[in-house]
């Protein structure tokens, strides 16, 4: 009832209201999916480092994964906990870890590849996990640097709209006013 009335009174406002009504939930879903992905990517270096520490301490891969999951919280550790639960139900550890590829995505590929190679082929997992952890930390550092480079650009709009007018009002306007008073009728 409000929509048709608003359409008759002000069509632009009606279109904007409908766009906001339809766009805000979609934006929230996109934003929450993006933040969940960023959280997963941020957790991966820690998880890889913990697994590396466990394997380096002499634990088998499965036990090292279990210990790493018990000491972290986040989407990556939850996915790994689900994979470990599948192994308790009878799946092989290699297949359960292989099932993490879609969840962890491209960022988790080195970690998954190192773990699968170790479990399936008996490859030494320590150096591969160390390389995966270093790679994940390097990628995280690069993402942080990219975000840091975007900060000045994002600060430009508030600077121009808030601080620059105040600067002009407090510094330039008094000078111009004083100059105009000096140019005024002197007699």
Protein backbone atom coordinates (compact mmCIF):
# COMPACT_ATOMS: atom_id res chain seq x y z
CA UNK A 1 0.00 0.00 0.00
CA UNK A 2 2.84 2.37 0.79
CA UNK A 3 4.72 1.38 -2.39
CA UNK A 4 2.01 2.44 -4.89
CA UNK A 5 1.38 5.64 -2.94
CA UNK A 6 5.09 6.43 -2.96
CA UNK A 7 5.22 5.62 -6.68
CA UNK A 8 2.52 8.22 -7.35
CA UNK A 9 4.13 10.86 -5.16
CA UNK A 10 7.78 10.38 -6.08
CA UNK A 11 8.74 7.65 -8.57
CA UNK A 12 12.50 8.00 -8.00
CA UNK A 13 12.09 7.47 -4.25
CA UNK A 14 9.93 4.41 -4.95
CA UNK A 15 12.55 2.90 -7.23
CA UNK A 16 15.28 3.59 -4.67
CA UNK A 17 13.18 2.08 -1.87
CA UNK A 18 12.50 -1.09 -3.87
CA UNK A 19 16.16 -1.34 -4.84
CA UNK A 20 17.23 -0.98 -1.22
CA UNK A 21 14.62 -3.53 -0.13
CA UNK A 22 15.86 -6.08 -2.65
CA UNK A 23 19.56 -5.19 -2.58
CA UNK A 24 20.33 -5.08 1.13
CA UNK A 25 19.67 -8.81 1.82
CA UNK A 26 21.69 -9.80 -1.25
CA UNK A 27 24.54 -7.53 -0.18
CA UNK A 28 24.45 -9.01 3.34
CA UNK A 29 24.65 -12.54 1.93
CA UNK A 30 27.56 -11.56 -0.31
CA UNK A 31 29.29 -9.74 2.54
CA UNK A 32 28.86 -12.62 4.99
CA UNK A 33 30.12 -15.14 2.41
CA UNK A 34 33.12 -12.90 1.73
CA UNK A 35 33.91 -12.46 5.42
CA UNK A 36 33.59 -16.23 5.99
CA UNK A 37 36.03 -16.84 3.13
CA UNK A 38 38.45 -14.26 4.54
CA UNK A 39 38.21 -15.91 7.97
CA UNK A 40 38.97 -19.30 6.43
CA UNK A 41 41.96 -17.93 4.54
CA UNK A 42 43.25 -16.19 7.68
CA UNK A 43 43.06 -19.42 9.68
CA UNK A 44 44.88 -21.65 7.16
CA UNK A 45 48.47 -20.54 7.99
CA UNK A 46 47.87 -21.20 11.69
CA UNK A 47 46.33 -24.58 10.98
CA UNK A 48 49.18 -25.61 8.67
CA UNK A 49 51.73 -24.48 11.26
CA UNK A 50 50.04 -26.47 14.02
CA UNK A 51 49.91 -29.61 11.87
CA UNK A 52 53.59 -29.09 11.03
CA UNK A 53 54.42 -28.79 14.73
CA UNK A 54 52.49 -31.96 15.53
CA UNK A 55 54.17 -33.95 12.78
CA UNK A 56 57.54 -32.53 13.77
CA UNK A 57 56.90 -33.66 17.34
CA UNK A 58 56.48 -37.24 16.11
CA UNK A 59 52.71 -37.55 15.87
CA UNK A 60 51.19 -39.44 12.95
CA UNK A 61 49.39 -37.25 10.43
CA UNK A 62 45.90 -38.18 11.63
CA UNK A 63 46.72 -37.43 15.26
CA UNK A 64 48.48 -34.18 14.31
CA UNK A 65 45.37 -33.11 12.43
CA UNK A 66 43.19 -33.96 15.42
CA UNK A 67 45.42 -31.97 17.77
CA UNK A 68 45.50 -28.99 15.41
CA UNK A 69 41.70 -29.01 15.12
CA UNK A 70 41.28 -29.17 18.90
CA UNK A 71 43.44 -26.05 19.33
CA UNK A 72 41.89 -23.81 16.68
CA UNK A 73 38.44 -22.52 15.89
CA UNK A 74 37.15 -21.30 12.59
CA UNK A 75 35.79 -22.53 9.29
CA UNK A 76 38.96 -24.36 8.22
CA UNK A 77 39.24 -26.28 11.47
CA UNK A 78 35.52 -27.09 11.34
CA UNK A 79 35.94 -28.50 7.84
CA UNK A 80 38.94 -30.50 9.00
CA UNK A 81 36.98 -31.74 12.01
CA UNK A 82 34.23 -32.93 9.64
CA UNK A 83 36.85 -34.76 7.57
CA UNK A 84 38.22 -36.43 10.69
CA UNK A 85 34.68 -37.41 11.69
CA UNK A 86 34.31 -39.09 8.29
CA UNK A 87 37.43 -41.14 9.04
CA UNK A 88 35.88 -42.30 12.30
CA UNK A 89 32.88 -43.48 10.28
CA UNK A 90 35.09 -45.59 8.02
CA UNK A 91 36.43 -43.34 5.25
CA UNK A 92 40.13 -43.36 4.57
CA UNK A 93 42.12 -40.38 5.82
CA UNK A 94 43.38 -39.57 2.32
CA UNK A 95 39.85 -39.49 0.89
CA UNK A 96 38.59 -37.37 3.77
CA UNK A 97 41.43 -34.89 3.30
CA UNK A 98 40.86 -34.91 -0.46
CA UNK A 99 37.25 -33.89 0.26
CA UNK A 100 38.57 -30.65 1.77
CA UNK A 101 39.64 -29.28 -1.63
CA UNK A 102 36.30 -27.59 -2.45
CA UNK A 103 35.95 -26.19 1.08
CA UNK A 104 39.48 -24.82 1.42
CA UNK A 105 39.68 -23.66 -2.19
CA UNK A 106 42.78 -22.51 -3.98
CA UNK A 107 44.38 -21.16 -0.81
CA UNK A 108 44.28 -24.57 0.88
CA UNK A 109 45.55 -26.51 -2.13
CA UNK A 110 49.19 -26.79 -0.94
CA UNK A 111 48.11 -28.00 2.49
CA UNK A 112 45.72 -30.61 1.08
CA UNK A 113 48.27 -31.79 -1.48
CA UNK A 114 50.97 -32.23 1.17
CA UNK A 115 48.68 -34.14 3.51
CA UNK A 116 47.29 -36.40 0.77
CA UNK A 117 50.79 -37.17 -0.56
CA UNK A 118 51.93 -38.07 2.92
CA UNK A 119 48.99 -40.31 3.73
CA UNK A 120 48.72 -42.03 0.33
CA UNK A 121 52.34 -42.34 -0.71
CA UNK A 122 54.26 -42.05 2.55
CA UNK A 123 56.01 -38.88 1.41
CA UNK A 124 57.76 -36.93 4.16
CA UNK A 125 55.13 -34.47 5.29
CA UNK A 126 57.32 -32.15 7.39
CA UNK A 127 59.06 -30.23 4.60
CA UNK A 128 55.91 -30.11 2.49
CA UNK A 129 53.87 -28.76 5.42
CA UNK A 130 56.57 -26.21 6.19
CA UNK A 131 56.54 -25.06 2.56
CA UNK A 132 52.72 -24.92 2.59
CA UNK A 133 52.72 -22.91 5.84
CA UNK A 134 55.31 -20.47 4.46
CA UNK A 135 53.30 -20.14 1.24
CA UNK A 136 50.09 -19.49 3.16
CA UNK A 137 51.76 -16.90 5.40
CA UNK A 138 53.26 -15.18 2.34
CA UNK A 139 49.87 -15.03 0.65
CA UNK A 140 48.30 -13.64 3.84
CA UNK A 141 51.02 -10.99 4.02
CA UNK A 142 50.40 -10.02 0.38
CA UNK A 143 46.65 -9.71 0.99
CA UNK A 144 47.34 -7.52 4.02
CA UNK A 145 49.67 -5.33 1.95
CA UNK A 146 47.03 -4.95 -0.76
CA UNK A 147 44.44 -3.95 1.84
CA UNK A 148 46.92 -1.49 3.36
CA UNK A 149 47.53 0.10 -0.05
CA UNK A 150 43.78 0.66 -0.45
CA UNK A 151 43.44 2.60 2.81
CA UNK A 152 44.56 6.02 1.47
CA UNK A 153 42.13 5.75 -1.41
CA UNK A 154 39.28 4.89 0.95
CA UNK A 155 40.25 7.79 3.21
CA UNK A 156 40.13 10.24 0.32
CA UNK A 157 36.32 10.64 0.31
CA UNK A 158 35.99 11.47 4.05
CA UNK A 159 39.01 13.75 3.76
CA UNK A 160 37.56 15.73 0.87
CA UNK A 161 34.00 15.87 2.22
CA UNK A 162 34.71 16.50 5.92
CA UNK A 163 38.17 17.86 6.62
CA UNK A 164 38.86 19.94 3.51
CA UNK A 165 35.72 22.13 3.88
CA UNK A 166 36.54 22.72 7.55
CA UNK A 167 40.11 23.65 6.63
CA UNK A 168 38.88 26.09 3.99
CA UNK A 169 36.31 27.56 6.38
CA UNK A 170 38.84 28.07 9.17
CA UNK A 171 41.87 29.21 7.18
CA UNK A 172 40.97 30.57 3.75
CA UNK A 173 37.69 32.35 4.52
CA UNK A 174 39.16 34.60 7.25
CA UNK A 175 42.03 35.60 4.94
CA UNK A 176 39.64 36.39 2.09
CA UNK A 177 37.38 38.32 4.47
CA UNK A 178 40.32 40.36 5.75
CA UNK A 179 41.48 41.08 2.21
CA UNK A 180 37.99 42.22 1.19
CA UNK A 181 37.80 44.55 4.19
CA UNK A 182 41.14 46.09 3.15
CA UNK A 183 39.88 46.62 -0.42
CA UNK A 184 36.62 48.17 0.75
CA UNK A 185 35.84 51.89 0.82
CA UNK A 186 38.72 53.46 2.77
CA UNK A 187 37.35 56.96 3.09
